[in-house]
Amino acid sequence: MNSFWLNSNENKNKYKELDKDISADVCIVGAGIFGLTCGYYLIKQGYNVVILEKEAEIASKTTGHTTAKITSQHNLIYKYLIDSFGVSEVKHYLYANQEAIENIYQIIKDENINCNFERQDSYVYTNNADELEKIKLENEAVNSIGFNSEFVTSTPLPFDVLGAIKFPNQAECNPIKYACGLADYITKNSGKIYTDSLVKNIQKENNNFIVSCKDYVVRSKYVILATHYPFIDRLGYYFFKMYQSTSYVIAVDIGSKTFDGMYINSEQPTFSYRFINYNSKNLLLVGGADHKTGSKIDLSNAYNILEDEVRKYYPNCKVLYRWNTEDCITLDKVPYIGEFSHFMPNMYIGTGFNKWGMTSSNVAGNIIVDKILGRENEYENVFKATRLHPIKNNVELGNMIKETTNSFVINKFKVPERTSENTKDASKNITERVSDFDKNFSDIENDTGHVFEYNSEKVGIYKDKDGKIFAVKPICTHLGCLLSWNNLDKTWDCPCHGSRFDYLGHQLYNPAIRDLEVVNLNKNLQPSN
């Protein structure tokens, strides 16, 4: 099923593909909420802005699949951050996000954006006795930096909790309506937005950048990478500093709105709750059940985990929407915002929003626009993208290095540039060497996928519900990691950096921007009629 937000979007197919070479002051790559926020603020400052989006619609990836909680309560994070960075830095983190809530409200008010913005209290709760002390310590940490959070033992939820930390006066909205409001302001004030315009390369030429799409280029003094996960690896090394996490969301009709507020529990599996407006009624939005993208696990019950939890309290509920999304997770739990690299002046980035992109995108937009304007931003040092201080999350760092090392196969399998000739040759070569797989294909159940190995060559096979076989080379076109089969979405997922491809090999999620090689198997390998 599609995201509720995207399904209700009334601005589909509104923009066209880049159809000529153009110039701008600033080229923004990516038309999600972060890219659009940057565009909005830059237009306000009189800059000539061009935004390039690879998808057919703006805000159709992470922005269109979020739960859209606008809050500075980013689960239990402040005790950890104080222990890692100290009180002064963490105070800036919290108040940067608090300020972002008010910035978003001001934009909505100034531009008259009808996006169902509503003030709500936000809670992190637990029913696990082992987690209760963590919540109490979190409340003490938050209050120590001057914010009035509250430890409570009851909430408006339809079940009892052992304890919760409450952040008052946070907010929620419809993220697509908000994004479309930003986009409307940009285009009505001489900004340009192009969709179906995949950026394939960014080069520096003297003091300007050349941003290349398929047939045309944008020349600009500044570039902002707003692509969720940066597809450019050189110099920034972001592939070593974060990973991607997949989480799931359902929108449920329970009959009526039964509580106010926004909620998330502190333990695993994660459950997140809020209500959304839907045709004069309210649906309960439930998210969670997250895992590292590309994990070699059975995902077939991912939505059932959420549904089973809801049915404990609302047994007659009806699930109307199901979707999932990816989020970039930094190892020190702070986003990367600012200069992309010391070696690439005038290129900026915002990434690693750690599932809290509504406020983080506004923080990032303000920091980067201030950088372009040459103004000091009091929060920029906390989020500096080029920071090199030691990562204290040693366990997660070790797991990431281990996973990447085990999956990294670029030394065994060269990932070539996709040209018609080398793709043809590679496919022919693989076809000759997998001809002995015939006996194995009959063992594959319909609607399942597997990776086969033959003469040190990898081939990813998906057999659909009718027994038709689709074959690809399951090596990520980003940095050459071996892909995992996702048996829920029928996709090939990268365990290293979170790229995803459909079973036909088409690229779905960054950082990869090239499709997989398609393997043309011999006719005798296809199922007989």
Foldseek 3Di string as FASTA:
>chain_A
DAFPLVVPDPCFQVFAADDAAEEWAEEEEALAPLSLLLLLVVLVVVTAYEYEAQASDHNRAPLRHAQFWQALCLFLPQVLCCVVPNLVLSLLSSVLSVVLQVVLVVLCVVLVQPWAKDWFKAKAFAQDPVCPVSQVVSCVRVVVNPADKDKDQAFLDPDGTRIMIIHGGTIGTSSSSSSVSSVVSSVVSNYHYHYSWDFDDWDDDPQWIWTDTDPYTYIHNAYEYPAQDALDCPQQNVLLFKAKKKKKKWWKCLPADRHTHWYWYNDPQIWIWHWDDDPNGITIMIMGPMDTWQDQDACQCRVVVRVVVVCVRRVPMDTDDMDMHMAIAGLQRAWAAFDSHPVDPRYIYTYRNSSNCSSSSNSRSVCHVCVVVVHDDPNCVSRHSRDDPDRPSVVVSVVLVVQCVVFACCVLPPQDDDDPVVLVVVLVVVQVFCPVCLVVLVVDDALDWDWDATPNAIKIWHQHNVRFIWIFRQFANRRGTGWHAHSNQQWTFGSSHTWIAHSNQHTDGDPGDDGTRTHDHDPSSGDDD
